[in-house]
Amino acid sequence: FKVDAHYHNRDGAYQVISIDEPNMVIRYQNGRTLESLIALQA
């Protein structure tokens, strides 16, 4: 992952907003944000 890059998971496309290991914050196209473990998203 890289901040500002776009990826997909099973909930849809998202943009990486921030990375602060071991967590990352992602924002889906509908505007919903989520803090998740980097290892899980990877």
PDB file of all heavy atoms in Angstrom:
ATOM      1  N   PHE A   1       0.798  -1.226   0.000  1.00  0.00           N
ATOM      2  CA  PHE A   1       0.000   0.000   0.000  1.00  0.00           C
ATOM      3  C   PHE A   1       0.831   1.275   0.000  1.00  0.00           C
ATOM      4  O   PHE A   1       1.884   1.348   0.604  1.00  0.00           O
ATOM      5  CB  PHE A   1      -0.939   0.008   1.209  1.00  0.00           C
ATOM      6  CG  PHE A   1      -1.839  -1.183   1.247  1.00  0.00           C
ATOM      7  CD1 PHE A   1      -1.692  -2.151   2.231  1.00  0.00           C
ATOM      8  CD2 PHE A   1      -2.824  -1.366   0.290  1.00  0.00           C
ATOM      9  CE1 PHE A   1      -2.500  -3.266   2.261  1.00  0.00           C
ATOM     10  CE2 PHE A   1      -3.644  -2.483   0.308  1.00  0.00           C
ATOM     11  CZ  PHE A   1      -3.481  -3.436   1.295  1.00  0.00           C
ATOM     12  N   LYS A   2       0.280   2.276  -0.686  1.00  0.00           N
ATOM     13  CA  LYS A   2       0.848   3.621  -0.710  1.00  0.00           C
ATOM     14  C   LYS A   2      -0.277   4.608  -0.447  1.00  0.00           C
ATOM     15  O   LYS A   2      -1.392   4.432  -0.959  1.00  0.00           O
ATOM     16  CB  LYS A   2       1.477   3.934  -2.065  1.00  0.00           C
ATOM     17  CG  LYS A   2       2.672   3.084  -2.386  1.00  0.00           C
ATOM     18  CD  LYS A   2       3.236   3.450  -3.739  1.00  0.00           C
ATOM     19  CE  LYS A   2       4.401   2.535  -4.067  1.00  0.00           C
ATOM     20  NZ  LYS A   2       4.905   2.771  -5.411  1.00  0.00           N
ATOM     21  N   VAL A   3       0.003   5.642   0.328  1.00  0.00           N
ATOM     22  CA  VAL A   3      -0.989   6.677   0.598  1.00  0.00           C
ATOM     23  C   VAL A   3      -1.392   7.333  -0.721  1.00  0.00           C
ATOM     24  O   VAL A   3      -0.553   7.576  -1.589  1.00  0.00           O
ATOM     25  CB  VAL A   3      -0.422   7.723   1.592  1.00  0.00           C
ATOM     26  CG1 VAL A   3      -1.375   8.903   1.752  1.00  0.00           C
ATOM     27  CG2 VAL A   3      -0.155   7.074   2.947  1.00  0.00           C
ATOM     28  N   ASP A   4      -2.671   7.588  -0.883  1.00  0.00           N
ATOM     29  CA  ASP A   4      -3.320   8.188  -2.051  1.00  0.00           C
ATOM     30  C   ASP A   4      -3.552   7.219  -3.204  1.00  0.00           C
ATOM     31  O   ASP A   4      -4.226   7.575  -4.166  1.00  0.00           O
ATOM     32  CB  ASP A   4      -2.576   9.423  -2.576  1.00  0.00           C
ATOM     33  CG  ASP A   4      -2.658  10.600  -1.627  1.00  0.00           C
ATOM     34  OD1 ASP A   4      -3.663  10.702  -0.900  1.00  0.00           O
ATOM     35  OD2 ASP A   4      -1.706  11.409  -1.594  1.00  0.00           O
ATOM     36  N   ALA A   5      -3.031   6.000  -3.121  1.00  0.00           N
ATOM     37  CA  ALA A   5      -3.269   5.015  -4.182  1.00  0.00           C
ATOM     38  C   ALA A   5      -4.630   4.356  -3.960  1.00  0.00           C
ATOM     39  O   ALA A   5      -5.176   4.391  -2.855  1.00  0.00           O
ATOM     40  CB  ALA A   5      -2.164   3.967  -4.197  1.00  0.00           C
ATOM     41  N   HIS A   6      -5.162   3.770  -5.025  1.00  0.00           N
ATOM     42  CA  HIS A   6      -6.472   3.126  -4.984  1.00  0.00           C
ATOM     43  C   HIS A   6      -6.323   1.609  -5.089  1.00  0.00           C
ATOM     44  O   HIS A   6      -5.515   1.119  -5.879  1.00  0.00           O
ATOM     45  CB  HIS A   6      -7.356   3.636  -6.130  1.00  0.00           C
ATOM     46  CG  HIS A   6      -7.759   5.056  -5.957  1.00  0.00           C
ATOM     47  ND1 HIS A   6      -6.965   6.102  -6.345  1.00  0.00           N
ATOM     48  CD2 HIS A   6      -8.864   5.592  -5.419  1.00  0.00           C
ATOM     49  CE1 HIS A   6      -7.582   7.244  -6.059  1.00  0.00           C
ATOM     50  NE2 HIS A   6      -8.737   6.954  -5.496  1.00  0.00           N
ATOM     51  N   TYR A   7      -7.125   0.906  -4.324  1.00  0.00           N
ATOM     52  CA  TYR A   7      -7.115  -0.555  -4.279  1.00  0.00           C
ATOM     53  C   TYR A   7      -8.556  -1.035  -4.205  1.00  0.00           C
ATOM     54  O   TYR A   7      -9.477  -0.239  -4.169  1.00  0.00           O
ATOM     55  CB  TYR A   7      -6.337  -1.051  -3.048  1.00  0.00           C
ATOM     56  CG  TYR A   7      -4.914  -0.548  -3.008  1.00  0.00           C
ATOM     57  CD1 TYR A   7      -4.604   0.673  -2.414  1.00  0.00           C
ATOM     58  CD2 TYR A   7      -3.881  -1.287  -3.569  1.00  0.00           C
ATOM     59  CE1 TYR A   7      -3.304   1.152  -2.379  1.00  0.00           C
ATOM     60  CE2 TYR A   7      -2.569  -0.821  -3.537  1.00  0.00           C
ATOM     61  CZ  TYR A   7      -2.286   0.396  -2.943  1.00  0.00           C
ATOM     62  OH  TYR A   7      -1.003   0.865  -2.914  1.00  0.00           O
ATOM     63  N   HIS A   8      -8.736  -2.352  -4.153  1.00  0.00           N
ATOM     64  CA  HIS A   8     -10.063  -2.960  -4.022  1.00  0.00           C
ATOM     65  C   HIS A   8     -10.025  -4.008  -2.925  1.00  0.00           C
ATOM     66  O   HIS A   8      -9.014  -4.678  -2.744  1.00  0.00           O
ATOM     67  CB  HIS A   8     -10.478  -3.667  -5.315  1.00  0.00           C
ATOM     68  CG  HIS A   8     -10.748  -2.765  -6.459  1.00  0.00           C
ATOM     69  ND1 HIS A   8      -9.751  -2.250  -7.252  1.00  0.00           N
ATOM     70  CD2 HIS A   8     -11.896  -2.282  -6.937  1.00  0.00           C
ATOM     71  CE1 HIS A   8     -10.291  -1.488  -8.186  1.00  0.00           C
ATOM     72  NE2 HIS A   8     -11.597  -1.497  -8.015  1.00  0.00           N
ATOM     73  N   ASN A   9     -11.130  -4.138  -2.229  1.00  0.00           N
ATOM     74  CA  ASN A   9     -11.349  -5.295  -1.371  1.00  0.00           C
ATOM     75  C   ASN A   9     -12.766  -5.784  -1.663  1.00  0.00           C
ATOM     76  O   ASN A   9     -13.404  -5.320  -2.604  1.00  0.00           O
ATOM     77  CB  ASN A   9     -11.101  -4.989   0.118  1.00  0.00           C
ATOM     78  CG  ASN A   9     -12.018  -3.952   0.697  1.00  0.00           C
ATOM     79  OD1 ASN A   9     -13.107  -3.686   0.174  1.00  0.00           O
ATOM     80  ND2 ASN A   9     -11.599  -3.339   1.790  1.00  0.00           N
ATOM     81  N   ARG A  10     -13.267  -6.681  -0.862  1.00  0.00           N
ATOM     82  CA  ARG A  10     -14.579  -7.252  -1.163  1.00  0.00           C
ATOM     83  C   ARG A  10     -15.728  -6.256  -0.977  1.00  0.00           C
ATOM     84  O   ARG A  10     -16.837  -6.492  -1.442  1.00  0.00           O
ATOM     85  CB  ARG A  10     -14.786  -8.510  -0.338  1.00  0.00           C
ATOM     86  CG  ARG A  10     -13.927  -9.647  -0.876  1.00  0.00           C
ATOM     87  CD  ARG A  10     -13.899 -10.860  -0.004  1.00  0.00           C
ATOM     88  NE  ARG A  10     -13.169 -11.963  -0.599  1.00  0.00           N
ATOM     89  CZ  ARG A  10     -11.868 -12.016  -0.813  1.00  0.00           C
ATOM     90  NH1 ARG A  10     -11.111 -10.989  -0.518  1.00  0.00           N
ATOM     91  NH2 ARG A  10     -11.295 -13.067  -1.337  1.00  0.00           N
ATOM     92  N   ASP A  11     -15.463  -5.132  -0.319  1.00  0.00           N
ATOM     93  CA  ASP A  11     -16.479  -4.093  -0.155  1.00  0.00           C
ATOM     94  C   ASP A  11     -16.432  -3.052  -1.273  1.00  0.00           C
ATOM     95  O   ASP A  11     -17.280  -2.165  -1.324  1.00  0.00           O
ATOM     96  CB  ASP A  11     -16.319  -3.391   1.191  1.00  0.00           C
ATOM     97  CG  ASP A  11     -16.709  -4.279   2.358  1.00  0.00           C
ATOM     98  OD1 ASP A  11     -17.544  -5.192   2.164  1.00  0.00           O
ATOM     99  OD2 ASP A  11     -16.184  -4.073   3.465  1.00  0.00           O
ATOM    100  N   GLY A  12     -15.422  -3.127  -2.137  1.00  0.00           N
ATOM    101  CA  GLY A  12     -15.336  -2.197  -3.251  1.00  0.00           C
ATOM    102  C   GLY A  12     -14.005  -1.468  -3.324  1.00  0.00           C
ATOM    103  O   GLY A  12     -13.054  -1.785  -2.620  1.00  0.00           O
ATOM    104  N   ALA A  13     -13.968  -0.472  -4.202  1.00  0.00           N
ATOM    105  CA  ALA A  13     -12.756   0.319  -4.407  1.00  0.00           C
ATOM    106  C   ALA A  13     -12.563   1.289  -3.252  1.00  0.00           C
ATOM    107  O   ALA A  13     -13.528   1.809  -2.697  1.00  0.00           O
ATOM    108  CB  ALA A  13     -12.852   1.088  -5.723  1.00  0.00           C
ATOM    109  N   TYR A  14     -11.297   1.521  -2.899  1.00  0.00           N
ATOM    110  CA  TYR A  14     -10.994   2.473  -1.832  1.00  0.00           C
ATOM    111  C   TYR A  14      -9.658   3.162  -2.084  1.00  0.00           C
ATOM    112  O   TYR A  14      -8.853   2.692  -2.881  1.00  0.00           O
ATOM    113  CB  TYR A  14     -10.981   1.791  -0.460  1.00  0.00           C
ATOM    114  CG  TYR A  14      -9.911   0.740  -0.272  1.00  0.00           C
ATOM    115  CD1 TYR A  14      -8.629   1.072   0.155  1.00  0.00           C
ATOM    116  CD2 TYR A  14     -10.186  -0.596  -0.503  1.00  0.00           C
ATOM    117  CE1 TYR A  14      -7.657   0.114   0.339  1.00  0.00           C
ATOM    118  CE2 TYR A  14      -9.225  -1.571  -0.320  1.00  0.00           C
ATOM    119  CZ  TYR A  14      -7.956  -1.214   0.103  1.00  0.00           C
ATOM    120  OH  TYR A  14      -6.994  -2.173   0.279  1.00  0.00           O
ATOM    121  N   GLN A  15      -9.476   4.288  -1.413  1.00  0.00           N
ATOM    122  CA  GLN A  15      -8.231   5.053  -1.460  1.00  0.00           C
ATOM    123  C   GLN A  15      -7.587   4.973  -0.093  1.00  0.00           C
ATOM    124  O   GLN A  15      -8.269   5.081   0.931  1.00  0.00           O
ATOM    125  CB  GLN A  15      -8.520   6.506  -1.820  1.00  0.00           C
ATOM    126  CG  GLN A  15      -7.282   7.369  -1.875  1.00  0.00           C
ATOM    127  CD  GLN A  15      -7.612   8.818  -2.195  1.00  0.00           C
ATOM    128  OE1 GLN A  15      -8.761   9.236  -2.136  1.00  0.00           O
ATOM    129  NE2 GLN A  15      -6.604   9.577  -2.530  1.00  0.00           N
ATOM    130  N   VAL A  16      -6.275   4.790  -0.057  1.00  0.00           N
ATOM    131  CA  VAL A  16      -5.551   4.792   1.208  1.00  0.00           C
ATOM    132  C   VAL A  16      -5.364   6.242   1.634  1.00  0.00           C
ATOM    133  O   VAL A  16      -4.771   7.045   0.919  1.00  0.00           O
ATOM    134  CB  VAL A  16      -4.191   4.082   1.082  1.00  0.00           C
ATOM    135  CG1 VAL A  16      -3.404   4.180   2.388  1.00  0.00           C
ATOM    136  CG2 VAL A  16      -4.382   2.622   0.683  1.00  0.00           C
ATOM    137  N   ILE A  17      -5.896   6.577   2.805  1.00  0.00           N
ATOM    138  CA  ILE A  17      -5.823   7.935   3.329  1.00  0.00           C
ATOM    139  C   ILE A  17      -4.569   8.130   4.181  1.00  0.00           C
ATOM    140  O   ILE A  17      -3.888   9.140   4.078  1.00  0.00           O
ATOM    141  CB  ILE A  17      -7.084   8.271   4.159  1.00  0.00           C
ATOM    142  CG1 ILE A  17      -8.344   8.101   3.294  1.00  0.00           C
ATOM    143  CG2 ILE A  17      -7.005   9.660   4.755  1.00  0.00           C
ATOM    144  CD1 ILE A  17      -8.342   8.922   2.025  1.00  0.00           C
ATOM    145  N   SER A  18      -4.285   7.147   5.028  1.00  0.00           N
ATOM    146  CA  SER A  18      -3.092   7.240   5.865  1.00  0.00           C
ATOM    147  C   SER A  18      -2.638   5.854   6.264  1.00  0.00           C
ATOM    148  O   SER A  18      -3.416   4.901   6.273  1.00  0.00           O
ATOM    149  CB  SER A  18      -3.357   8.079   7.116  1.00  0.00           C
ATOM    150  OG  SER A  18      -4.301   7.442   7.961  1.00  0.00           O
ATOM    151  N   ILE A  19      -1.345   5.761   6.580  1.00  0.00           N
ATOM    152  CA  ILE A  19      -0.759   4.523   7.073  1.00  0.00           C
ATOM    153  C   ILE A  19       0.004   4.862   8.339  1.00  0.00           C
ATOM    154  O   ILE A  19       0.889   5.720   8.325  1.00  0.00           O
ATOM    155  CB  ILE A  19       0.188   3.902   6.022  1.00  0.00           C
ATOM    156  CG1 ILE A  19      -0.600   3.501   4.777  1.00  0.00           C
ATOM    157  CG2 ILE A  19       0.939   2.715   6.617  1.00  0.00           C
ATOM    158  CD1 ILE A  19       0.251   2.991   3.632  1.00  0.00           C
ATOM    159  N   ASP A  20      -0.388   4.222   9.419  1.00  0.00           N
ATOM    160  CA  ASP A  20       0.278   4.370  10.708  1.00  0.00           C
ATOM    161  C   ASP A  20       0.344   2.967  11.307  1.00  0.00           C
ATOM    162  O   ASP A  20      -0.565   2.545  12.005  1.00  0.00           O
ATOM    163  CB  ASP A  20      -0.493   5.328  11.615  1.00  0.00           C
ATOM    164  CG  ASP A  20       0.226   5.628  12.913  1.00  0.00           C
ATOM    165  OD1 ASP A  20       1.446   5.377  13.005  1.00  0.00           O
ATOM    166  OD2 ASP A  20      -0.434   6.118  13.844  1.00  0.00           O
ATOM    167  N   GLU A  21       1.390   2.239  10.933  1.00  0.00           N
ATOM    168  CA  GLU A  21       1.477   0.821  11.271  1.00  0.00           C
ATOM    169  C   GLU A  21       1.199   0.569  12.741  1.00  0.00           C
ATOM    170  O   GLU A  21       1.647   1.336  13.578  1.00  0.00           O
ATOM    171  CB  GLU A  21       2.845   0.286  10.861  1.00  0.00           C
ATOM    172  CG  GLU A  21       2.985   0.357   9.344  1.00  0.00           C
ATOM    173  CD  GLU A  21       4.083  -0.533   8.793  1.00  0.00           C
ATOM    174  OE1 GLU A  21       4.361  -1.590   9.376  1.00  0.00           O
ATOM    175  OE2 GLU A  21       4.641  -0.156   7.771  1.00  0.00           O
ATOM    176  N   PRO A  22       0.392  -0.450  13.006  1.00  0.00           N
ATOM    177  CA  PRO A  22      -0.060  -1.529  12.128  1.00  0.00           C
ATOM    178  C   PRO A  22      -1.386  -1.254  11.431  1.00  0.00           C
ATOM    179  O   PRO A  22      -1.941  -2.142  10.809  1.00  0.00           O
ATOM    180  CB  PRO A  22      -0.218  -2.707  13.097  1.00  0.00           C
ATOM    181  CG  PRO A  22      -0.730  -2.056  14.345  1.00  0.00           C
ATOM    182  CD  PRO A  22       0.017  -0.728  14.403  1.00  0.00           C
ATOM    183  N   ASN A  23      -1.891  -0.023  11.494  1.00  0.00           N
ATOM    184  CA  ASN A  23      -3.203   0.303  10.921  1.00  0.00           C
ATOM    185  C   ASN A  23      -3.087   1.197   9.696  1.00  0.00           C
ATOM    186  O   ASN A  23      -2.075   1.860   9.483  1.00  0.00           O
ATOM    187  CB  ASN A  23      -4.083   1.001  11.961  1.00  0.00           C
ATOM    188  CG  ASN A  23      -4.381   0.113  13.138  1.00  0.00           C
ATOM    189  OD1 ASN A  23      -4.672  -1.060  12.987  1.00  0.00           O
ATOM    190  ND2 ASN A  23      -4.292   0.680  14.332  1.00  0.00           N
ATOM    191  N   MET A  24      -4.171   1.227   8.952  1.00  0.00           N
ATOM    192  CA  MET A  24      -4.310   2.142   7.824  1.00  0.00           C
ATOM    193  C   MET A  24      -5.746   2.647   7.817  1.00  0.00           C
ATOM    194  O   MET A  24      -6.648   1.984   8.322  1.00  0.00           O
ATOM    195  CB  MET A  24      -3.964   1.451   6.503  1.00  0.00           C
ATOM    196  CG  MET A  24      -4.867   0.291   6.153  1.00  0.00           C
ATOM    197  SD  MET A  24      -4.274  -0.733   4.778  1.00  0.00           S
ATOM    198  CE  MET A  24      -4.543   0.331   3.390  1.00  0.00           C
ATOM    199  N   VAL A  25      -5.936   3.841   7.272  1.00  0.00           N
ATOM    200  CA  VAL A  25      -7.280   4.398   7.112  1.00  0.00           C
ATOM    201  C   VAL A  25      -7.565   4.412   5.621  1.00  0.00           C
ATOM    202  O   VAL A  25      -6.761   4.885   4.821  1.00  0.00           O
ATOM    203  CB  VAL A  25      -7.389   5.819   7.702  1.00  0.00           C
ATOM    204  CG1 VAL A  25      -8.761   6.422   7.430  1.00  0.00           C
ATOM    205  CG2 VAL A  25      -7.094   5.789   9.195  1.00  0.00           C
ATOM    206  N   ILE A  26      -8.738   3.857   5.262  1.00  0.00           N
ATOM    207  CA  ILE A  26      -9.140   3.815   3.869  1.00  0.00           C
ATOM    208  C   ILE A  26     -10.493   4.500   3.699  1.00  0.00           C
ATOM    209  O   ILE A  26     -11.277   4.574   4.633  1.00  0.00           O
ATOM    210  CB  ILE A  26      -9.199   2.364   3.341  1.00  0.00           C
ATOM    211  CG1 ILE A  26     -10.218   1.522   4.117  1.00  0.00           C
ATOM    212  CG2 ILE A  26      -7.824   1.719   3.419  1.00  0.00           C
ATOM    213  CD1 ILE A  26     -10.341   0.089   3.617  1.00  0.00           C
ATOM    214  N   ARG A  27     -10.723   5.064   2.489  1.00  0.00           N
ATOM    215  CA  ARG A  27     -12.000   5.712   2.187  1.00  0.00           C
ATOM    216  C   ARG A  27     -12.555   5.084   0.916  1.00  0.00           C
ATOM    217  O   ARG A  27     -11.900   5.069  -0.129  1.00  0.00           O
ATOM    218  CB  ARG A  27     -11.832   7.209   1.992  1.00  0.00           C
ATOM    219  CG  ARG A  27     -13.175   7.891   1.707  1.00  0.00           C
ATOM    220  CD  ARG A  27     -13.115   9.406   1.645  1.00  0.00           C
ATOM    221  NE  ARG A  27     -11.954   9.916   0.984  1.00  0.00           N
ATOM    222  CZ  ARG A  27     -11.144  10.854   1.519  1.00  0.00           C
ATOM    223  NH1 ARG A  27     -11.386  11.354   2.701  1.00  0.00           N
ATOM    224  NH2 ARG A  27     -10.094  11.278   0.857  1.00  0.00           N
ATOM    225  N   TYR A  28     -13.779   4.561   1.053  1.00  0.00           N
ATOM    226  CA  TYR A  28     -14.465   3.964  -0.087  1.00  0.00           C
ATOM    227  C   TYR A  28     -15.040   5.063  -0.971  1.00  0.00           C
ATOM    228  O   TYR A  28     -15.169   6.219  -0.562  1.00  0.00           O
ATOM    229  CB  TYR A  28     -15.583   3.032   0.398  1.00  0.00           C
ATOM    230  CG  TYR A  28     -15.047   1.793   1.074  1.00  0.00           C
ATOM    231  CD1 TYR A  28     -14.941   1.733   2.459  1.00  0.00           C
ATOM    232  CD2 TYR A  28     -14.631   0.695   0.331  1.00  0.00           C
ATOM    233  CE1 TYR A  28     -14.431   0.601   3.087  1.00  0.00           C
ATOM    234  CE2 TYR A  28     -14.130  -0.429   0.945  1.00  0.00           C
ATOM    235  CZ  TYR A  28     -14.032  -0.479   2.314  1.00  0.00           C
ATOM    236  OH  TYR A  28     -13.528  -1.593   2.923  1.00  0.00           O
ATOM    237  N   GLN A  29     -15.442   4.690  -2.175  1.00  0.00           N
ATOM    238  CA  GLN A  29     -15.971   5.656  -3.138  1.00  0.00           C
ATOM    239  C   GLN A  29     -17.232   6.345  -2.640  1.00  0.00           C
ATOM    240  O   GLN A  29     -17.508   7.475  -3.031  1.00  0.00           O
ATOM    241  CB  GLN A  29     -16.248   4.969  -4.474  1.00  0.00           C
ATOM    242  CG  GLN A  29     -14.982   4.581  -5.188  1.00  0.00           C
ATOM    243  CD  GLN A  29     -15.242   3.876  -6.504  1.00  0.00           C
ATOM    244  OE1 GLN A  29     -16.302   3.276  -6.709  1.00  0.00           O
ATOM    245  NE2 GLN A  29     -14.282   3.940  -7.404  1.00  0.00           N
ATOM    246  N   ASN A  30     -17.977   5.691  -1.750  1.00  0.00           N
ATOM    247  CA  ASN A  30     -19.203   6.310  -1.223  1.00  0.00           C
ATOM    248  C   ASN A  30     -18.919   7.265  -0.062  1.00  0.00           C
ATOM    249  O   ASN A  30     -19.844   7.820   0.516  1.00  0.00           O
ATOM    250  CB  ASN A  30     -20.212   5.239  -0.803  1.00  0.00           C
ATOM    251  CG  ASN A  30     -19.754   4.407   0.380  1.00  0.00           C
ATOM    252  OD1 ASN A  30     -18.707   4.657   0.969  1.00  0.00           O
ATOM    253  ND2 ASN A  30     -20.531   3.400   0.720  1.00  0.00           N
ATOM    254  N   GLY A  31     -17.635   7.458   0.287  1.00  0.00           N
ATOM    255  CA  GLY A  31     -17.251   8.391   1.339  1.00  0.00           C
ATOM    256  C   GLY A  31     -17.036   7.757   2.707  1.00  0.00           C
ATOM    257  O   GLY A  31     -16.510   8.394   3.618  1.00  0.00           O
ATOM    258  N   ARG A  32     -17.446   6.506   2.871  1.00  0.00           N
ATOM    259  CA  ARG A  32     -17.265   5.814   4.148  1.00  0.00           C
ATOM    260  C   ARG A  32     -15.781   5.591   4.407  1.00  0.00           C
ATOM    261  O   ARG A  32     -15.035   5.217   3.505  1.00  0.00           O
ATOM    262  CB  ARG A  32     -17.986   4.467   4.116  1.00  0.00           C
ATOM    263  CG  ARG A  32     -17.854   3.665   5.395  1.00  0.00           C
ATOM    264  CD  ARG A  32     -18.690   2.406   5.341  1.00  0.00           C
ATOM    265  NE  ARG A  32     -18.174   1.430   4.403  1.00  0.00           N
ATOM    266  CZ  ARG A  32     -17.601   0.281   4.762  1.00  0.00           C
ATOM    267  NH1 ARG A  32     -17.500  -0.054   6.023  1.00  0.00           N
ATOM    268  NH2 ARG A  32     -17.170  -0.557   3.834  1.00  0.00           N
ATOM    269  N   THR A  33     -15.327   5.870   5.632  1.00  0.00           N
ATOM    270  CA  THR A  33     -13.944   5.619   5.998  1.00  0.00           C
ATOM    271  C   THR A  33     -13.879   4.471   6.992  1.00  0.00           C
ATOM    272  O   THR A  33     -14.831   4.205   7.732  1.00  0.00           O
ATOM    273  CB  THR A  33     -13.265   6.864   6.603  1.00  0.00           C
ATOM    274  OG1 THR A  33     -13.975   7.254   7.772  1.00  0.00           O
ATOM    275  CG2 THR A  33     -13.212   8.005   5.613  1.00  0.00           C
ATOM    276  N   LEU A  34     -12.732   3.813   7.004  1.00  0.00           N
ATOM    277  CA  LEU A  34     -12.536   2.656   7.851  1.00  0.00           C
ATOM    278  C   LEU A  34     -11.082   2.589   8.274  1.00  0.00           C
ATOM    279  O   LEU A  34     -10.186   2.774   7.444  1.00  0.00           O
ATOM    280  CB  LEU A  34     -12.899   1.381   7.069  1.00  0.00           C
ATOM    281  CG  LEU A  34     -12.603   0.048   7.721  1.00  0.00           C
ATOM    282  CD1 LEU A  34     -13.569  -0.202   8.876  1.00  0.00           C
ATOM    283  CD2 LEU A  34     -12.695  -1.066   6.698  1.00  0.00           C
ATOM    284  N   GLU A  35     -10.845   2.347   9.559  1.00  0.00           N
ATOM    285  CA  GLU A  35      -9.500   2.055  10.031  1.00  0.00           C
ATOM    286  C   GLU A  35      -9.382   0.541  10.117  1.00  0.00           C
ATOM    287  O   GLU A  35     -10.242  -0.127  10.689  1.00  0.00           O
ATOM    288  CB  GLU A  35      -9.236   2.682  11.395  1.00  0.00           C
ATOM    289  CG  GLU A  35      -7.820   2.466  11.873  1.00  0.00           C
ATOM    290  CD  GLU A  35      -7.480   3.238  13.125  1.00  0.00           C
ATOM    291  OE1 GLU A  35      -8.285   4.088  13.543  1.00  0.00           O
ATOM    292  OE2 GLU A  35      -6.400   2.992  13.675  1.00  0.00           O
ATOM    293  N   SER A  36      -8.343  -0.002   9.523  1.00  0.00           N
ATOM    294  CA  SER A  36      -8.182  -1.450   9.440  1.00  0.00           C
ATOM    295  C   SER A  36      -6.723  -1.820   9.639  1.00  0.00           C
ATOM    296  O   SER A  36      -5.824  -1.006   9.405  1.00  0.00           O
ATOM    297  CB  SER A  36      -8.647  -1.920   8.060  1.00  0.00           C
ATOM    298  OG  SER A  36      -8.470  -3.307   7.908  1.00  0.00           O
ATOM    299  N   LEU A  37      -6.498  -3.052  10.034  1.00  0.00           N
ATOM    300  CA  LEU A  37      -5.135  -3.562  10.109  1.00  0.00           C
ATOM    301  C   LEU A  37      -4.557  -3.677   8.703  1.00  0.00           C
ATOM    302  O   LEU A  37      -5.219  -4.186   7.789  1.00  0.00           O
ATOM    303  CB  LEU A  37      -5.107  -4.935  10.779  1.00  0.00           C
ATOM    304  CG  LEU A  37      -5.359  -4.968  12.274  1.00  0.00           C
ATOM    305  CD1 LEU A  37      -5.518  -6.404  12.759  1.00  0.00           C
ATOM    306  CD2 LEU A  37      -4.219  -4.278  13.015  1.00  0.00           C
ATOM    307  N   ILE A  38      -3.339  -3.223   8.524  1.00  0.00           N
ATOM    308  CA  ILE A  38      -2.672  -3.320   7.228  1.00  0.00           C
ATOM    309  C   ILE A  38      -2.562  -4.779   6.808  1.00  0.00           C
ATOM    310  O   ILE A  38      -2.814  -5.125   5.652  1.00  0.00           O
ATOM    311  CB  ILE A  38      -1.279  -2.668   7.286  1.00  0.00           C
ATOM    312  CG1 ILE A  38      -1.413  -1.164   7.534  1.00  0.00           C
ATOM    313  CG2 ILE A  38      -0.487  -2.950   6.014  1.00  0.00           C
ATOM    314  CD1 ILE A  38      -0.109  -0.480   7.876  1.00  0.00           C
ATOM    315  N   ALA A  39      -2.201  -5.655   7.743  1.00  0.00           N
ATOM    316  CA  ALA A  39      -2.028  -7.071   7.421  1.00  0.00           C
ATOM    317  C   ALA A  39      -3.323  -7.682   6.882  1.00  0.00           C
ATOM    318  O   ALA A  39      -3.293  -8.493   5.954  1.00  0.00           O
ATOM    319  CB  ALA A  39      -1.548  -7.838   8.651  1.00  0.00           C
ATOM    320  N   LEU A  40      -4.455  -7.284   7.444  1.00  0.00           N
ATOM    321  CA  LEU A  40      -5.744  -7.801   6.980  1.00  0.00           C
ATOM    322  C   LEU A  40      -6.024  -7.351   5.547  1.00  0.00           C
ATOM    323  O   LEU A  40      -6.372  -8.160   4.682  1.00  0.00           O
ATOM    324  CB  LEU A  40      -6.869  -7.340   7.901  1.00  0.00           C
ATOM    325  CG  LEU A  40      -8.289  -7.675   7.451  1.00  0.00           C
ATOM    326  CD1 LEU A  40      -8.488  -9.187   7.396  1.00  0.00           C
ATOM    327  CD2 LEU A  40      -9.303  -7.027   8.367  1.00  0.00           C
ATOM    328  N   GLN A  41      -5.869  -6.052   5.277  1.00  0.00           N
ATOM    329  CA  GLN A  41      -6.128  -5.541   3.931  1.00  0.00           C
ATOM    330  C   GLN A  41      -5.133  -6.114   2.922  1.00  0.00           C
ATOM    331  O   GLN A  41      -5.490  -6.382   1.773  1.00  0.00           O
ATOM    332  CB  GLN A  41      -6.105  -4.015   3.920  1.00  0.00           C
ATOM    333  CG  GLN A  41      -7.251  -3.388   4.680  1.00  0.00           C
ATOM    334  CD  GLN A  41      -8.617  -3.795   4.172  1.00  0.00           C
ATOM    335  OE1 GLN A  41      -8.857  -3.912   2.975  1.00  0.00           O
ATOM    336  NE2 GLN A  41      -9.538  -4.013   5.097  1.00  0.00           N
ATOM    337  N   ALA A  42      -3.883  -6.324   3.337  1.00  0.00           N
ATOM    338  CA  ALA A  42      -2.882  -6.908   2.437  1.00  0.00           C
ATOM    339  C   ALA A  42      -3.262  -8.337   2.075  1.00  0.00           C
ATOM    340  O   ALA A  42      -3.145  -8.747   0.909  1.00  0.00           O
ATOM    341  CB  ALA A  42      -1.498  -6.870   3.081  1.00  0.00           C
TER     342      ALA A  42
END
